[in-house]
Amino acid sequence: MFIVIAVLMLCPAPAIAANIFKRFLGDQYGYVYVWSTTFLFINSSINPLLYLAKNSELRNALKSIMCF
């Protein structure tokens, strides 16, 4: 569970930091914002894989669905 929580906190951290330091970043804010929001989408992609790796009931349910 620690890994899931760590990923949930680390992925949005660059976006939050970019918004806090928006004034100091100036023209570079656009580039930083694009890269930091990309981590939010990566987080959405990683979460199902983490839950699948950690939860044996979920793995067994997926196996039963995939193997008719």
N, C-alpha and C. Protein backbone atom coordinates (compact mmCIF):
# COMPACT_ATOMS: atom_id res chain seq x y z
N MET A 1 0.82 -1.19 0.00
CA MET A 1 0.00 0.00 0.00
C MET A 1 0.86 1.26 0.00
N PHE A 2 2.04 1.15 0.60
CA PHE A 2 2.94 2.30 0.63
C PHE A 2 3.33 2.73 -0.78
N ILE A 3 3.56 1.78 -1.66
CA ILE A 3 3.95 2.10 -3.04
C ILE A 3 2.84 2.85 -3.74
N VAL A 4 1.60 2.40 -3.55
CA VAL A 4 0.46 3.07 -4.19
C VAL A 4 0.34 4.50 -3.70
N ILE A 5 0.46 4.69 -2.40
CA ILE A 5 0.35 6.04 -1.83
C ILE A 5 1.52 6.91 -2.28
N ALA A 6 2.72 6.34 -2.35
CA ALA A 6 3.88 7.12 -2.81
C ALA A 6 3.70 7.58 -4.25
N VAL A 7 3.21 6.70 -5.11
CA VAL A 7 2.98 7.08 -6.51
C VAL A 7 1.89 8.13 -6.59
N LEU A 8 0.83 7.97 -5.80
CA LEU A 8 -0.26 8.95 -5.80
C LEU A 8 0.22 10.33 -5.36
N MET A 9 1.22 10.38 -4.49
CA MET A 9 1.72 11.67 -4.01
C MET A 9 2.82 12.24 -4.91
N LEU A 10 3.63 11.38 -5.51
CA LEU A 10 4.75 11.87 -6.32
C LEU A 10 4.33 12.35 -7.70
N CYS A 11 3.33 11.75 -8.29
CA CYS A 11 2.94 12.14 -9.64
C CYS A 11 2.34 13.55 -9.71
N PRO A 12 1.47 13.96 -8.79
CA PRO A 12 0.95 15.33 -8.87
C PRO A 12 1.89 16.38 -8.27
N ALA A 13 2.96 15.98 -7.61
CA ALA A 13 3.86 16.93 -6.96
C ALA A 13 4.46 17.96 -7.93
N PRO A 14 4.93 17.57 -9.13
CA PRO A 14 5.48 18.59 -10.04
C PRO A 14 4.43 19.62 -10.49
N ALA A 15 3.19 19.18 -10.69
CA ALA A 15 2.14 20.12 -11.09
C ALA A 15 1.84 21.11 -9.98
N ILE A 16 1.81 20.62 -8.76
CA ILE A 16 1.56 21.50 -7.61
C ILE A 16 2.71 22.48 -7.45
N ALA A 17 3.95 22.00 -7.58
CA ALA A 17 5.11 22.88 -7.46
C ALA A 17 5.13 23.91 -8.58
N ALA A 18 4.75 23.51 -9.79
CA ALA A 18 4.73 24.45 -10.91
C ALA A 18 3.70 25.56 -10.67
N ASN A 19 2.56 25.20 -10.12
CA ASN A 19 1.55 26.22 -9.82
C ASN A 19 1.98 27.14 -8.70
N ILE A 20 2.70 26.63 -7.72
CA ILE A 20 3.18 27.47 -6.62
C ILE A 20 4.22 28.45 -7.12
N PHE A 21 5.14 27.98 -7.98
CA PHE A 21 6.24 28.82 -8.46
C PHE A 21 5.96 29.43 -9.84
N LYS A 22 4.70 29.55 -10.19
CA LYS A 22 4.32 30.10 -11.50
C LYS A 22 4.94 31.47 -11.75
N ARG A 23 4.91 32.31 -10.77
CA ARG A 23 5.43 33.67 -10.91
C ARG A 23 6.94 33.66 -11.16
N PHE A 24 7.65 32.75 -10.50
CA PHE A 24 9.11 32.72 -10.63
C PHE A 24 9.58 32.05 -11.91
N LEU A 25 8.75 31.19 -12.48
CA LEU A 25 9.15 30.47 -13.69
C LEU A 25 9.06 31.34 -14.94
N GLY A 26 8.19 32.31 -14.94
CA GLY A 26 8.07 33.23 -16.06
C GLY A 26 7.68 32.53 -17.35
N ASP A 27 8.50 32.71 -18.39
CA ASP A 27 8.21 32.12 -19.70
C ASP A 27 8.34 30.60 -19.70
N GLN A 28 9.13 30.06 -18.80
CA GLN A 28 9.34 28.61 -18.74
C GLN A 28 8.13 27.88 -18.15
N TYR A 29 7.17 28.61 -17.62
CA TYR A 29 6.02 27.98 -16.97
C TYR A 29 5.26 27.08 -17.94
N GLY A 30 5.11 27.49 -19.19
CA GLY A 30 4.38 26.69 -20.16
C GLY A 30 5.00 25.32 -20.35
N TYR A 31 6.32 25.26 -20.46
CA TYR A 31 7.00 23.98 -20.64
C TYR A 31 6.90 23.13 -19.38
N VAL A 32 7.11 23.75 -18.24
CA VAL A 32 7.04 23.02 -16.98
C VAL A 32 5.63 22.51 -16.74
N TYR A 33 4.65 23.31 -17.07
CA TYR A 33 3.26 22.91 -16.87
C TYR A 33 2.90 21.69 -17.72
N VAL A 34 3.34 21.68 -18.97
CA VAL A 34 3.05 20.55 -19.86
C VAL A 34 3.69 19.27 -19.31
N TRP A 35 4.93 19.34 -18.91
CA TRP A 35 5.60 18.15 -18.40
C TRP A 35 5.02 17.71 -17.06
N SER A 36 4.65 18.66 -16.22
CA SER A 36 4.12 18.28 -14.91
C SER A 36 2.72 17.67 -15.04
N THR A 37 1.91 18.16 -15.95
CA THR A 37 0.59 17.55 -16.12
C THR A 37 0.69 16.19 -16.81
N THR A 38 1.76 15.95 -17.54
CA THR A 38 1.96 14.63 -18.13
C THR A 38 2.10 13.58 -17.03
N PHE A 39 2.73 13.95 -15.92
CA PHE A 39 2.85 13.02 -14.80
C PHE A 39 1.49 12.65 -14.22
N LEU A 40 0.54 13.55 -14.29
CA LEU A 40 -0.81 13.24 -13.82
C LEU A 40 -1.44 12.15 -14.68
N PHE A 41 -1.23 12.21 -15.99
CA PHE A 41 -1.75 11.17 -16.88
C PHE A 41 -1.00 9.86 -16.69
N ILE A 42 0.29 9.94 -16.45
CA ILE A 42 1.08 8.73 -16.18
C ILE A 42 0.57 8.06 -14.91
N ASN A 43 0.22 8.87 -13.92
CA ASN A 43 -0.33 8.35 -12.67
C ASN A 43 -1.60 7.55 -12.94
N SER A 44 -2.45 8.07 -13.80
CA SER A 44 -3.69 7.36 -14.13
C SER A 44 -3.41 6.06 -14.86
N SER A 45 -2.32 5.99 -15.56
CA SER A 45 -1.95 4.76 -16.26
C SER A 45 -1.30 3.74 -15.33
N ILE A 46 -0.57 4.22 -14.35
CA ILE A 46 0.16 3.34 -13.45
C ILE A 46 -0.76 2.74 -12.38
N ASN A 47 -1.74 3.48 -11.92
CA ASN A 47 -2.60 3.02 -10.82
C ASN A 47 -3.23 1.66 -11.06
N PRO A 48 -3.88 1.39 -12.19
CA PRO A 48 -4.46 0.05 -12.36
C PRO A 48 -3.43 -1.07 -12.32
N LEU A 49 -2.24 -0.80 -12.84
CA LEU A 49 -1.19 -1.81 -12.81
C LEU A 49 -0.70 -2.08 -11.38
N LEU A 50 -0.60 -1.03 -10.58
CA LEU A 50 -0.20 -1.19 -9.18
C LEU A 50 -1.24 -1.97 -8.40
N TYR A 51 -2.50 -1.62 -8.59
CA TYR A 51 -3.56 -2.33 -7.88
C TYR A 51 -3.61 -3.79 -8.32
N LEU A 52 -3.41 -4.05 -9.58
CA LEU A 52 -3.42 -5.41 -10.09
C LEU A 52 -2.24 -6.21 -9.51
N ALA A 53 -1.11 -5.57 -9.38
CA ALA A 53 0.07 -6.25 -8.84
C ALA A 53 -0.07 -6.52 -7.35
N LYS A 54 -0.76 -5.67 -6.63
CA LYS A 54 -0.85 -5.79 -5.18
C LYS A 54 -2.04 -6.60 -4.69
N ASN A 55 -3.11 -6.68 -5.44
CA ASN A 55 -4.34 -7.30 -4.97
C ASN A 55 -4.53 -8.66 -5.64
N SER A 56 -4.41 -9.73 -4.86
CA SER A 56 -4.52 -11.07 -5.43
C SER A 56 -5.96 -11.38 -5.86
N GLU A 57 -6.96 -10.87 -5.15
CA GLU A 57 -8.35 -11.09 -5.55
C GLU A 57 -8.62 -10.47 -6.91
N LEU A 58 -8.09 -9.29 -7.13
CA LEU A 58 -8.26 -8.62 -8.42
C LEU A 58 -7.57 -9.39 -9.54
N ARG A 59 -6.37 -9.92 -9.25
CA ARG A 59 -5.66 -10.74 -10.24
C ARG A 59 -6.46 -11.98 -10.60
N ASN A 60 -7.00 -12.64 -9.60
CA ASN A 60 -7.77 -13.86 -9.85
C ASN A 60 -9.04 -13.55 -10.63
N ALA A 61 -9.68 -12.44 -10.34
CA ALA A 61 -10.89 -12.06 -11.08
C ALA A 61 -10.54 -11.75 -12.52
N LEU A 62 -9.43 -11.07 -12.75
CA LEU A 62 -9.02 -10.76 -14.12
C LEU A 62 -8.66 -12.04 -14.88
N LYS A 63 -7.99 -12.98 -14.21
CA LYS A 63 -7.66 -14.26 -14.85
C LYS A 63 -8.93 -15.02 -15.23
N SER A 64 -9.93 -14.99 -14.36
CA SER A 64 -11.17 -15.71 -14.68
C SER A 64 -11.92 -15.07 -15.82
N ILE A 65 -11.81 -13.78 -15.97
CA ILE A 65 -12.47 -13.08 -17.08
C ILE A 65 -11.73 -13.34 -18.38
N MET A 66 -10.40 -13.31 -18.32
CA MET A 66 -9.59 -13.46 -19.53
C MET A 66 -9.56 -14.91 -20.03
N CYS A 67 -9.61 -15.88 -19.13
CA CYS A 67 -9.58 -17.31 -19.50
C CYS A 67 -10.99 -17.85 -19.41
N PHE A 68 -11.67 -17.87 -20.50
CA PHE A 68 -13.07 -18.30 -20.52
C PHE A 68 -13.16 -19.65 -19.93
